[in-house]
mmCIF file of all heavy atoms, coordinates in Angstrom:
data_MODEL
# 
_entry.id   MODEL 
# 
loop_
_atom_site.group_PDB 
_atom_site.id 
_atom_site.type_symbol 
_atom_site.label_atom_id 
_atom_site.label_alt_id 
_atom_site.label_comp_id 
_atom_site.label_asym_id 
_atom_site.label_entity_id 
_atom_site.label_seq_id 
_atom_site.pdbx_PDB_ins_code 
_atom_site.Cartn_x 
_atom_site.Cartn_y 
_atom_site.Cartn_z 
_atom_site.occupancy 
_atom_site.B_iso_or_equiv 
_atom_site.pdbx_formal_charge 
_atom_site.auth_seq_id 
_atom_site.auth_comp_id 
_atom_site.auth_asym_id 
_atom_site.auth_atom_id 
_atom_site.pdbx_PDB_model_num 
ATOM 1   N N   . VAL A 1 1  ? 107.697 92.789  96.915  1.00 0.00 ? 1  VAL A N   1 
ATOM 2   C CA  . VAL A 1 1  ? 108.742 93.811  97.070  1.00 0.00 ? 1  VAL A CA  1 
ATOM 3   C C   . VAL A 1 1  ? 108.768 94.732  95.863  1.00 0.00 ? 1  VAL A C   1 
ATOM 4   O O   . VAL A 1 1  ? 108.890 95.958  95.977  1.00 0.00 ? 1  VAL A O   1 
ATOM 5   C CB  . VAL A 1 1  ? 110.114 93.146  97.290  1.00 0.00 ? 1  VAL A CB  1 
ATOM 6   C CG1 . VAL A 1 1  ? 111.240 94.162  97.168  1.00 0.00 ? 1  VAL A CG1 1 
ATOM 7   C CG2 . VAL A 1 1  ? 110.171 92.478  98.652  1.00 0.00 ? 1  VAL A CG2 1 
ATOM 8   N N   . TYR A 1 2  ? 108.628 94.136  94.667  1.00 0.00 ? 2  TYR A N   1 
ATOM 9   C CA  . TYR A 1 2  ? 108.592 94.942  93.441  1.00 0.00 ? 2  TYR A CA  1 
ATOM 10  C C   . TYR A 1 2  ? 107.390 95.886  93.455  1.00 0.00 ? 2  TYR A C   1 
ATOM 11  O O   . TYR A 1 2  ? 107.511 97.073  93.107  1.00 0.00 ? 2  TYR A O   1 
ATOM 12  C CB  . TYR A 1 2  ? 108.523 94.021  92.233  1.00 0.00 ? 2  TYR A CB  1 
ATOM 13  C CG  . TYR A 1 2  ? 108.136 94.726  90.954  1.00 0.00 ? 2  TYR A CG  1 
ATOM 14  C CD1 . TYR A 1 2  ? 109.058 95.492  90.238  1.00 0.00 ? 2  TYR A CD1 1 
ATOM 15  C CD2 . TYR A 1 2  ? 106.818 94.650  90.472  1.00 0.00 ? 2  TYR A CD2 1 
ATOM 16  C CE1 . TYR A 1 2  ? 108.692 96.155  89.074  1.00 0.00 ? 2  TYR A CE1 1 
ATOM 17  C CE2 . TYR A 1 2  ? 106.452 95.297  89.314  1.00 0.00 ? 2  TYR A CE2 1 
ATOM 18  C CZ  . TYR A 1 2  ? 107.388 96.057  88.619  1.00 0.00 ? 2  TYR A CZ  1 
ATOM 19  O OH  . TYR A 1 2  ? 107.019 96.717  87.477  1.00 0.00 ? 2  TYR A OH  1 
ATOM 20  N N   . GLN A 1 3  ? 106.234 95.372  93.868  1.00 0.00 ? 3  GLN A N   1 
ATOM 21  C CA  . GLN A 1 3  ? 105.056 96.237  93.947  1.00 0.00 ? 3  GLN A CA  1 
ATOM 22  C C   . GLN A 1 3  ? 105.247 97.339  94.984  1.00 0.00 ? 3  GLN A C   1 
ATOM 23  O O   . GLN A 1 3  ? 104.802 98.475  94.782  1.00 0.00 ? 3  GLN A O   1 
ATOM 24  C CB  . GLN A 1 3  ? 103.817 95.403  94.308  1.00 0.00 ? 3  GLN A CB  1 
ATOM 25  C CG  . GLN A 1 3  ? 103.277 94.571  93.166  1.00 0.00 ? 3  GLN A CG  1 
ATOM 26  C CD  . GLN A 1 3  ? 101.984 93.883  93.536  1.00 0.00 ? 3  GLN A CD  1 
ATOM 27  O OE1 . GLN A 1 3  ? 101.785 93.487  94.690  1.00 0.00 ? 3  GLN A OE1 1 
ATOM 28  N NE2 . GLN A 1 3  ? 101.087 93.738  92.571  1.00 0.00 ? 3  GLN A NE2 1 
ATOM 29  N N   . GLY A 1 4  ? 105.923 97.007  96.084  1.00 0.00 ? 4  GLY A N   1 
ATOM 30  C CA  . GLY A 1 4  ? 106.180 98.020  97.103  1.00 0.00 ? 4  GLY A CA  1 
ATOM 31  C C   . GLY A 1 4  ? 107.113 99.107  96.621  1.00 0.00 ? 4  GLY A C   1 
ATOM 32  O O   . GLY A 1 4  ? 106.961 100.283 96.977  1.00 0.00 ? 4  GLY A O   1 
ATOM 33  N N   . ILE A 1 5  ? 108.091 98.733  95.794  1.00 0.00 ? 5  ILE A N   1 
ATOM 34  C CA  . ILE A 1 5  ? 108.996 99.738  95.222  1.00 0.00 ? 5  ILE A CA  1 
ATOM 35  C C   . ILE A 1 5  ? 108.262 100.594 94.205  1.00 0.00 ? 5  ILE A C   1 
ATOM 36  O O   . ILE A 1 5  ? 108.447 101.814 94.108  1.00 0.00 ? 5  ILE A O   1 
ATOM 37  C CB  . ILE A 1 5  ? 110.214 99.040  94.582  1.00 0.00 ? 5  ILE A CB  1 
ATOM 38  C CG1 . ILE A 1 5  ? 111.047 98.345  95.659  1.00 0.00 ? 5  ILE A CG1 1 
ATOM 39  C CG2 . ILE A 1 5  ? 111.069 100.037 93.815  1.00 0.00 ? 5  ILE A CG2 1 
ATOM 40  C CD1 . ILE A 1 5  ? 112.180 97.505  95.110  1.00 0.00 ? 5  ILE A CD1 1 
ATOM 41  N N   . ASP A 1 6  ? 107.372 99.928  93.451  1.00 0.00 ? 6  ASP A N   1 
ATOM 42  C CA  . ASP A 1 6  ? 106.613 100.662 92.432  1.00 0.00 ? 6  ASP A CA  1 
ATOM 43  C C   . ASP A 1 6  ? 105.590 101.599 93.066  1.00 0.00 ? 6  ASP A C   1 
ATOM 44  O O   . ASP A 1 6  ? 105.375 102.720 92.600  1.00 0.00 ? 6  ASP A O   1 
ATOM 45  C CB  . ASP A 1 6  ? 105.912 99.646  91.522  1.00 0.00 ? 6  ASP A CB  1 
ATOM 46  C CG  . ASP A 1 6  ? 105.331 100.305 90.283  1.00 0.00 ? 6  ASP A CG  1 
ATOM 47  O OD1 . ASP A 1 6  ? 105.936 101.272 89.781  1.00 0.00 ? 6  ASP A OD1 1 
ATOM 48  O OD2 . ASP A 1 6  ? 104.271 99.846  89.812  1.00 0.00 ? 6  ASP A OD2 1 
ATOM 49  N N   . ASN A 1 7  ? 104.951 101.138 94.159  1.00 0.00 ? 7  ASN A N   1 
ATOM 50  C CA  . ASN A 1 7  ? 103.982 101.973 94.881  1.00 0.00 ? 7  ASN A CA  1 
ATOM 51  C C   . ASN A 1 7  ? 104.358 101.982 96.365  1.00 0.00 ? 7  ASN A C   1 
ATOM 52  O O   . ASN A 1 7  ? 103.757 101.226 97.170  1.00 0.00 ? 7  ASN A O   1 
ATOM 53  C CB  . ASN A 1 7  ? 102.554 101.423 94.697  1.00 0.00 ? 7  ASN A CB  1 
ATOM 54  C CG  . ASN A 1 7  ? 102.142 101.412 93.241  1.00 0.00 ? 7  ASN A CG  1 
ATOM 55  O OD1 . ASN A 1 7  ? 102.129 102.447 92.596  1.00 0.00 ? 7  ASN A OD1 1 
ATOM 56  N ND2 . ASN A 1 7  ? 101.805 100.235 92.732  1.00 0.00 ? 7  ASN A ND2 1 
ATOM 57  N N   . PRO A 1 8  ? 105.339 102.747 96.746  1.00 0.00 ? 8  PRO A N   1 
ATOM 58  C CA  . PRO A 1 8  ? 105.850 102.672 98.127  1.00 0.00 ? 8  PRO A CA  1 
ATOM 59  C C   . PRO A 1 8  ? 104.834 103.154 99.156  1.00 0.00 ? 8  PRO A C   1 
ATOM 60  O O   . PRO A 1 8  ? 104.108 104.121 98.945  1.00 0.00 ? 8  PRO A O   1 
ATOM 61  C CB  . PRO A 1 8  ? 107.077 103.589 98.098  1.00 0.00 ? 8  PRO A CB  1 
ATOM 62  C CG  . PRO A 1 8  ? 106.833 104.535 96.959  1.00 0.00 ? 8  PRO A CG  1 
ATOM 63  C CD  . PRO A 1 8  ? 106.039 103.785 95.941  1.00 0.00 ? 8  PRO A CD  1 
ATOM 64  N N   . ALA A 1 9  ? 104.809 102.415 100.279 1.00 0.00 ? 9  ALA A N   1 
ATOM 65  C CA  . ALA A 1 9  ? 103.999 102.814 101.433 1.00 0.00 ? 9  ALA A CA  1 
ATOM 66  C C   . ALA A 1 9  ? 104.940 102.930 102.628 1.00 0.00 ? 9  ALA A C   1 
ATOM 67  O O   . ALA A 1 9  ? 105.331 101.926 103.219 1.00 0.00 ? 9  ALA A O   1 
ATOM 68  C CB  . ALA A 1 9  ? 102.903 101.781 101.705 1.00 0.00 ? 9  ALA A CB  1 
ATOM 69  N N   . ILE A 1 10 ? 105.338 104.147 102.934 1.00 0.00 ? 10 ILE A N   1 
ATOM 70  C CA  . ILE A 1 10 ? 106.388 104.370 103.922 1.00 0.00 ? 10 ILE A CA  1 
ATOM 71  C C   . ILE A 1 10 ? 105.960 103.913 105.309 1.00 0.00 ? 10 ILE A C   1 
ATOM 72  O O   . ILE A 1 10 ? 106.773 103.482 106.118 1.00 0.00 ? 10 ILE A O   1 
ATOM 73  C CB  . ILE A 1 10 ? 106.770 105.871 103.945 1.00 0.00 ? 10 ILE A CB  1 
ATOM 74  C CG1 . ILE A 1 10 ? 107.259 106.297 102.560 1.00 0.00 ? 10 ILE A CG1 1 
ATOM 75  C CG2 . ILE A 1 10 ? 107.835 106.165 104.984 1.00 0.00 ? 10 ILE A CG2 1 
ATOM 76  C CD1 . ILE A 1 10 ? 107.578 107.766 102.439 1.00 0.00 ? 10 ILE A CD1 1 
ATOM 77  N N   . ASP A 1 11 ? 104.670 103.967 105.599 1.00 0.00 ? 11 ASP A N   1 
ATOM 78  C CA  . ASP A 1 11 ? 104.219 103.643 106.949 1.00 0.00 ? 11 ASP A CA  1 
ATOM 79  C C   . ASP A 1 11 ? 104.102 102.143 107.207 1.00 0.00 ? 11 ASP A C   1 
ATOM 80  O O   . ASP A 1 11 ? 103.823 101.723 108.323 1.00 0.00 ? 11 ASP A O   1 
ATOM 81  C CB  . ASP A 1 11 ? 102.855 104.310 107.203 1.00 0.00 ? 11 ASP A CB  1 
ATOM 82  C CG  . ASP A 1 11 ? 101.808 103.869 106.179 1.00 0.00 ? 11 ASP A CG  1 
ATOM 83  O OD1 . ASP A 1 11 ? 102.203 103.485 105.067 1.00 0.00 ? 11 ASP A OD1 1 
ATOM 84  O OD2 . ASP A 1 11 ? 100.609 103.929 106.512 1.00 0.00 ? 11 ASP A OD2 1 
ATOM 85  N N   . ASP A 1 12 ? 104.301 101.304 106.173 1.00 0.00 ? 12 ASP A N   1 
ATOM 86  C CA  . ASP A 1 12 ? 104.123 99.863  106.321 1.00 0.00 ? 12 ASP A CA  1 
ATOM 87  C C   . ASP A 1 12 ? 105.479 99.156  106.368 1.00 0.00 ? 12 ASP A C   1 
ATOM 88  O O   . ASP A 1 12 ? 105.771 98.285  105.552 1.00 0.00 ? 12 ASP A O   1 
ATOM 89  C CB  . ASP A 1 12 ? 103.271 99.319  105.164 1.00 0.00 ? 12 ASP A CB  1 
ATOM 90  C CG  . ASP A 1 12 ? 102.571 98.023  105.545 1.00 0.00 ? 12 ASP A CG  1 
ATOM 91  O OD1 . ASP A 1 12 ? 102.754 97.591  106.692 1.00 0.00 ? 12 ASP A OD1 1 
ATOM 92  O OD2 . ASP A 1 12 ? 101.884 97.460  104.693 1.00 0.00 ? 12 ASP A OD2 1 
ATOM 93  N N   . TRP A 1 13 ? 106.300 99.505  107.346 1.00 0.00 ? 13 TRP A N   1 
ATOM 94  C CA  . TRP A 1 13 ? 107.627 98.907  107.475 1.00 0.00 ? 13 TRP A CA  1 
ATOM 95  C C   . TRP A 1 13 ? 107.548 97.446  107.898 1.00 0.00 ? 13 TRP A C   1 
ATOM 96  O O   . TRP A 1 13 ? 108.457 96.653  107.582 1.00 0.00 ? 13 TRP A O   1 
ATOM 97  C CB  . TRP A 1 13 ? 108.461 99.687  108.487 1.00 0.00 ? 13 TRP A CB  1 
ATOM 98  C CG  . TRP A 1 13 ? 108.930 101.011 107.970 1.00 0.00 ? 13 TRP A CG  1 
ATOM 99  C CD1 . TRP A 1 13 ? 108.424 102.240 108.271 1.00 0.00 ? 13 TRP A CD1 1 
ATOM 100 C CD2 . TRP A 1 13 ? 109.994 101.229 107.042 1.00 0.00 ? 13 TRP A CD2 1 
ATOM 101 N NE1 . TRP A 1 13 ? 109.107 103.219 107.598 1.00 0.00 ? 13 TRP A NE1 1 
ATOM 102 C CE2 . TRP A 1 13 ? 110.080 102.630 106.832 1.00 0.00 ? 13 TRP A CE2 1 
ATOM 103 C CE3 . TRP A 1 13 ? 110.883 100.384 106.374 1.00 0.00 ? 13 TRP A CE3 1 
ATOM 104 C CZ2 . TRP A 1 13 ? 111.019 103.192 105.984 1.00 0.00 ? 13 TRP A CZ2 1 
ATOM 105 C CZ3 . TRP A 1 13 ? 111.823 100.948 105.522 1.00 0.00 ? 13 TRP A CZ3 1 
ATOM 106 C CH2 . TRP A 1 13 ? 111.885 102.334 105.328 1.00 0.00 ? 13 TRP A CH2 1 
ATOM 107 N N   . ALA A 1 14 ? 106.525 97.067  108.629 1.00 0.00 ? 14 ALA A N   1 
ATOM 108 C CA  . ALA A 1 14 ? 106.428 95.688  109.119 1.00 0.00 ? 14 ALA A CA  1 
ATOM 109 C C   . ALA A 1 14 ? 106.389 94.693  107.961 1.00 0.00 ? 14 ALA A C   1 
ATOM 110 O O   . ALA A 1 14 ? 107.099 93.675  107.981 1.00 0.00 ? 14 ALA A O   1 
ATOM 111 C CB  . ALA A 1 14 ? 105.182 95.531  109.986 1.00 0.00 ? 14 ALA A CB  1 
ATOM 112 N N   . LYS A 1 15 ? 105.565 94.975  106.954 1.00 0.00 ? 15 LYS A N   1 
ATOM 113 C CA  . LYS A 1 15 ? 105.471 94.058  105.818 1.00 0.00 ? 15 LYS A CA  1 
ATOM 114 C C   . LYS A 1 15 ? 106.774 94.005  105.028 1.00 0.00 ? 15 LYS A C   1 
ATOM 115 O O   . LYS A 1 15 ? 107.164 92.949  104.527 1.00 0.00 ? 15 LYS A O   1 
ATOM 116 C CB  . LYS A 1 15 ? 104.306 94.463  104.917 1.00 0.00 ? 15 LYS A CB  1 
ATOM 117 C CG  . LYS A 1 15 ? 102.942 94.200  105.542 1.00 0.00 ? 15 LYS A CG  1 
ATOM 118 C CD  . LYS A 1 15 ? 101.820 94.464  104.570 1.00 0.00 ? 15 LYS A CD  1 
ATOM 119 C CE  . LYS A 1 15 ? 100.463 94.136  105.204 1.00 0.00 ? 15 LYS A CE  1 
ATOM 120 N NZ  . LYS A 1 15 ? 99.344  94.405  104.271 1.00 0.00 ? 15 LYS A NZ  1 
ATOM 121 N N   . TRP A 1 16 ? 107.453 95.168  104.918 1.00 0.00 ? 16 TRP A N   1 
ATOM 122 C CA  . TRP A 1 16 ? 108.737 95.190  104.213 1.00 0.00 ? 16 TRP A CA  1 
ATOM 123 C C   . TRP A 1 16 ? 109.743 94.283  104.914 1.00 0.00 ? 16 TRP A C   1 
ATOM 124 O O   . TRP A 1 16 ? 110.386 93.433  104.281 1.00 0.00 ? 16 TRP A O   1 
ATOM 125 C CB  . TRP A 1 16 ? 109.276 96.620  104.146 1.00 0.00 ? 16 TRP A CB  1 
ATOM 126 C CG  . TRP A 1 16 ? 108.719 97.417  103.029 1.00 0.00 ? 16 TRP A CG  1 
ATOM 127 C CD1 . TRP A 1 16 ? 107.599 98.181  103.033 1.00 0.00 ? 16 TRP A CD1 1 
ATOM 128 C CD2 . TRP A 1 16 ? 109.268 97.527  101.707 1.00 0.00 ? 16 TRP A CD2 1 
ATOM 129 N NE1 . TRP A 1 16 ? 107.406 98.770  101.813 1.00 0.00 ? 16 TRP A NE1 1 
ATOM 130 C CE2 . TRP A 1 16 ? 108.417 98.392  100.978 1.00 0.00 ? 16 TRP A CE2 1 
ATOM 131 C CE3 . TRP A 1 16 ? 110.377 96.990  101.074 1.00 0.00 ? 16 TRP A CE3 1 
ATOM 132 C CZ2 . TRP A 1 16 ? 108.648 98.722  99.648  1.00 0.00 ? 16 TRP A CZ2 1 
ATOM 133 C CZ3 . TRP A 1 16 ? 110.625 97.314  99.756  1.00 0.00 ? 16 TRP A CZ3 1 
ATOM 134 C CH2 . TRP A 1 16 ? 109.757 98.170  99.049  1.00 0.00 ? 16 TRP A CH2 1 
ATOM 135 N N   . LEU A 1 17 ? 109.889 94.449  106.198 1.00 0.00 ? 17 LEU A N   1 
ATOM 136 C CA  . LEU A 1 17 ? 110.848 93.643  106.949 1.00 0.00 ? 17 LEU A CA  1 
ATOM 137 C C   . LEU A 1 17 ? 110.447 92.171  106.947 1.00 0.00 ? 17 LEU A C   1 
ATOM 138 O O   . LEU A 1 17 ? 111.307 91.275  106.872 1.00 0.00 ? 17 LEU A O   1 
ATOM 139 C CB  . LEU A 1 17 ? 110.943 94.161  108.388 1.00 0.00 ? 17 LEU A CB  1 
ATOM 140 C CG  . LEU A 1 17 ? 111.522 95.565  108.557 1.00 0.00 ? 17 LEU A CG  1 
ATOM 141 C CD1 . LEU A 1 17 ? 111.441 96.002  110.018 1.00 0.00 ? 17 LEU A CD1 1 
ATOM 142 C CD2 . LEU A 1 17 ? 112.977 95.614  108.077 1.00 0.00 ? 17 LEU A CD2 1 
ATOM 143 N N   . TYR A 1 18 ? 109.142 91.910  107.014 1.00 0.00 ? 18 TYR A N   1 
ATOM 144 C CA  . TYR A 1 18 ? 108.645 90.534  107.005 1.00 0.00 ? 18 TYR A CA  1 
ATOM 145 C C   . TYR A 1 18 ? 108.971 89.844  105.677 1.00 0.00 ? 18 TYR A C   1 
ATOM 146 O O   . TYR A 1 18 ? 109.410 88.692  105.643 1.00 0.00 ? 18 TYR A O   1 
ATOM 147 C CB  . TYR A 1 18 ? 107.141 90.546  107.259 1.00 0.00 ? 18 TYR A CB  1 
ATOM 148 C CG  . TYR A 1 18 ? 106.588 89.239  107.781 1.00 0.00 ? 18 TYR A CG  1 
ATOM 149 C CD1 . TYR A 1 18 ? 107.379 88.356  108.485 1.00 0.00 ? 18 TYR A CD1 1 
ATOM 150 C CD2 . TYR A 1 18 ? 105.253 88.913  107.585 1.00 0.00 ? 18 TYR A CD2 1 
ATOM 151 C CE1 . TYR A 1 18 ? 106.873 87.171  108.983 1.00 0.00 ? 18 TYR A CE1 1 
ATOM 152 C CE2 . TYR A 1 18 ? 104.726 87.724  108.077 1.00 0.00 ? 18 TYR A CE2 1 
ATOM 153 C CZ  . TYR A 1 18 ? 105.549 86.861  108.769 1.00 0.00 ? 18 TYR A CZ  1 
ATOM 154 O OH  . TYR A 1 18 ? 105.044 85.679  109.261 1.00 0.00 ? 18 TYR A OH  1 
ATOM 155 N N   . MET A 1 19 ? 108.785 90.565  104.577 1.00 0.00 ? 19 MET A N   1 
ATOM 156 C CA  . MET A 1 19 ? 109.084 89.993  103.263 1.00 0.00 ? 19 MET A CA  1 
ATOM 157 C C   . MET A 1 19 ? 110.584 89.726  103.108 1.00 0.00 ? 19 MET A C   1 
ATOM 158 O O   . MET A 1 19 ? 110.998 88.691  102.566 1.00 0.00 ? 19 MET A O   1 
ATOM 159 C CB  . MET A 1 19 ? 108.581 90.934  102.157 1.00 0.00 ? 19 MET A CB  1 
ATOM 160 C CG  . MET A 1 19 ? 107.070 90.949  101.998 1.00 0.00 ? 19 MET A CG  1 
ATOM 161 S SD  . MET A 1 19 ? 106.506 91.913  100.579 1.00 0.00 ? 19 MET A SD  1 
ATOM 162 C CE  . MET A 1 19 ? 106.903 93.588  101.097 1.00 0.00 ? 19 MET A CE  1 
ATOM 163 N N   . ILE A 1 20 ? 111.404 90.639  103.593 1.00 0.00 ? 20 ILE A N   1 
ATOM 164 C CA  . ILE A 1 20 ? 112.858 90.445  103.516 1.00 0.00 ? 20 ILE A CA  1 
ATOM 165 C C   . ILE A 1 20 ? 113.278 89.230  104.347 1.00 0.00 ? 20 ILE A C   1 
ATOM 166 O O   . ILE A 1 20 ? 114.142 88.439  103.933 1.00 0.00 ? 20 ILE A O   1 
ATOM 167 C CB  . ILE A 1 20 ? 113.590 91.718  103.986 1.00 0.00 ? 20 ILE A CB  1 
ATOM 168 C CG1 . ILE A 1 20 ? 113.338 92.858  102.987 1.00 0.00 ? 20 ILE A CG1 1 
ATOM 169 C CG2 . ILE A 1 20 ? 115.090 91.467  104.142 1.00 0.00 ? 20 ILE A CG2 1 
ATOM 170 C CD1 . ILE A 1 20 ? 113.867 94.196  103.442 1.00 0.00 ? 20 ILE A CD1 1 
ATOM 171 N N   . LEU A 1 21 ? 112.652 89.061  105.524 1.00 0.00 ? 21 LEU A N   1 
ATOM 172 C CA  . LEU A 1 21 ? 112.956 87.903  106.361 1.00 0.00 ? 21 LEU A CA  1 
ATOM 173 C C   . LEU A 1 21 ? 112.615 86.602  105.643 1.00 0.00 ? 21 LEU A C   1 
ATOM 174 O O   . LEU A 1 21 ? 113.401 85.645  105.655 1.00 0.00 ? 21 LEU A O   1 
ATOM 175 C CB  . LEU A 1 21 ? 112.170 87.997  107.675 1.00 0.00 ? 21 LEU A CB  1 
ATOM 176 C CG  . LEU A 1 21 ? 112.286 86.795  108.623 1.00 0.00 ? 21 LEU A CG  1 
ATOM 177 C CD1 . LEU A 1 21 ? 113.715 86.653  109.130 1.00 0.00 ? 21 LEU A CD1 1 
ATOM 178 C CD2 . LEU A 1 21 ? 111.310 86.928  109.788 1.00 0.00 ? 21 LEU A CD2 1 
ATOM 179 N N   . TRP A 1 22 ? 111.454 86.552  104.996 1.00 0.00 ? 22 TRP A N   1 
ATOM 180 C CA  . TRP A 1 22 ? 111.059 85.339  104.281 1.00 0.00 ? 22 TRP A CA  1 
ATOM 181 C C   . TRP A 1 22 ? 111.967 85.075  103.088 1.00 0.00 ? 22 TRP A C   1 
ATOM 182 O O   . TRP A 1 22 ? 112.313 83.917  102.797 1.00 0.00 ? 22 TRP A O   1 
ATOM 183 C CB  . TRP A 1 22 ? 109.601 85.450  103.827 1.00 0.00 ? 22 TRP A CB  1 
ATOM 184 C CG  . TRP A 1 22 ? 108.632 85.188  104.931 1.00 0.00 ? 22 TRP A CG  1 
ATOM 185 C CD1 . TRP A 1 22 ? 107.990 86.107  105.709 1.00 0.00 ? 22 TRP A CD1 1 
ATOM 186 C CD2 . TRP A 1 22 ? 108.230 83.916  105.429 1.00 0.00 ? 22 TRP A CD2 1 
ATOM 187 N NE1 . TRP A 1 22 ? 107.206 85.494  106.649 1.00 0.00 ? 22 TRP A NE1 1 
ATOM 188 C CE2 . TRP A 1 22 ? 107.326 84.142  106.504 1.00 0.00 ? 22 TRP A CE2 1 
ATOM 189 C CE3 . TRP A 1 22 ? 108.520 82.607  105.077 1.00 0.00 ? 22 TRP A CE3 1 
ATOM 190 C CZ2 . TRP A 1 22 ? 106.727 83.113  107.212 1.00 0.00 ? 22 TRP A CZ2 1 
ATOM 191 C CZ3 . TRP A 1 22 ? 107.923 81.570  105.790 1.00 0.00 ? 22 TRP A CZ3 1 
ATOM 192 C CH2 . TRP A 1 22 ? 107.035 81.837  106.831 1.00 0.00 ? 22 TRP A CH2 1 
ATOM 193 N N   . LEU A 1 23 ? 112.349 86.118  102.377 1.00 0.00 ? 23 LEU A N   1 
ATOM 194 C CA  . LEU A 1 23 ? 113.281 85.943  101.257 1.00 0.00 ? 23 LEU A CA  1 
ATOM 195 C C   . LEU A 1 23 ? 114.594 85.349  101.738 1.00 0.00 ? 23 LEU A C   1 
ATOM 196 O O   . LEU A 1 23 ? 115.134 84.410  101.129 1.00 0.00 ? 23 LEU A O   1 
ATOM 197 C CB  . LEU A 1 23 ? 113.524 87.289  100.562 1.00 0.00 ? 23 LEU A CB  1 
ATOM 198 C CG  . LEU A 1 23 ? 112.366 87.870  99.744  1.00 0.00 ? 23 LEU A CG  1 
ATOM 199 C CD1 . LEU A 1 23 ? 112.712 89.271  99.257  1.00 0.00 ? 23 LEU A CD1 1 
ATOM 200 C CD2 . LEU A 1 23 ? 112.060 86.974  98.542  1.00 0.00 ? 23 LEU A CD2 1 
ATOM 201 N N   . ALA A 1 24 ? 115.135 85.880  102.839 1.00 0.00 ? 24 ALA A N   1 
ATOM 202 C CA  . ALA A 1 24 ? 116.399 85.387  103.375 1.00 0.00 ? 24 ALA A CA  1 
ATOM 203 C C   . ALA A 1 24 ? 116.272 83.943  103.861 1.00 0.00 ? 24 ALA A C   1 
ATOM 204 O O   . ALA A 1 24 ? 117.164 83.111  103.641 1.00 0.00 ? 24 ALA A O   1 
ATOM 205 C CB  . ALA A 1 24 ? 116.874 86.296  104.511 1.00 0.00 ? 24 ALA A CB  1 
# 
């Protein structure tokens, strides 16, 4: 998530949501 914030990839929402799900 930190790397994604540092180098955002707007088109890769699936990985963002997947990481948030695993964190939760």
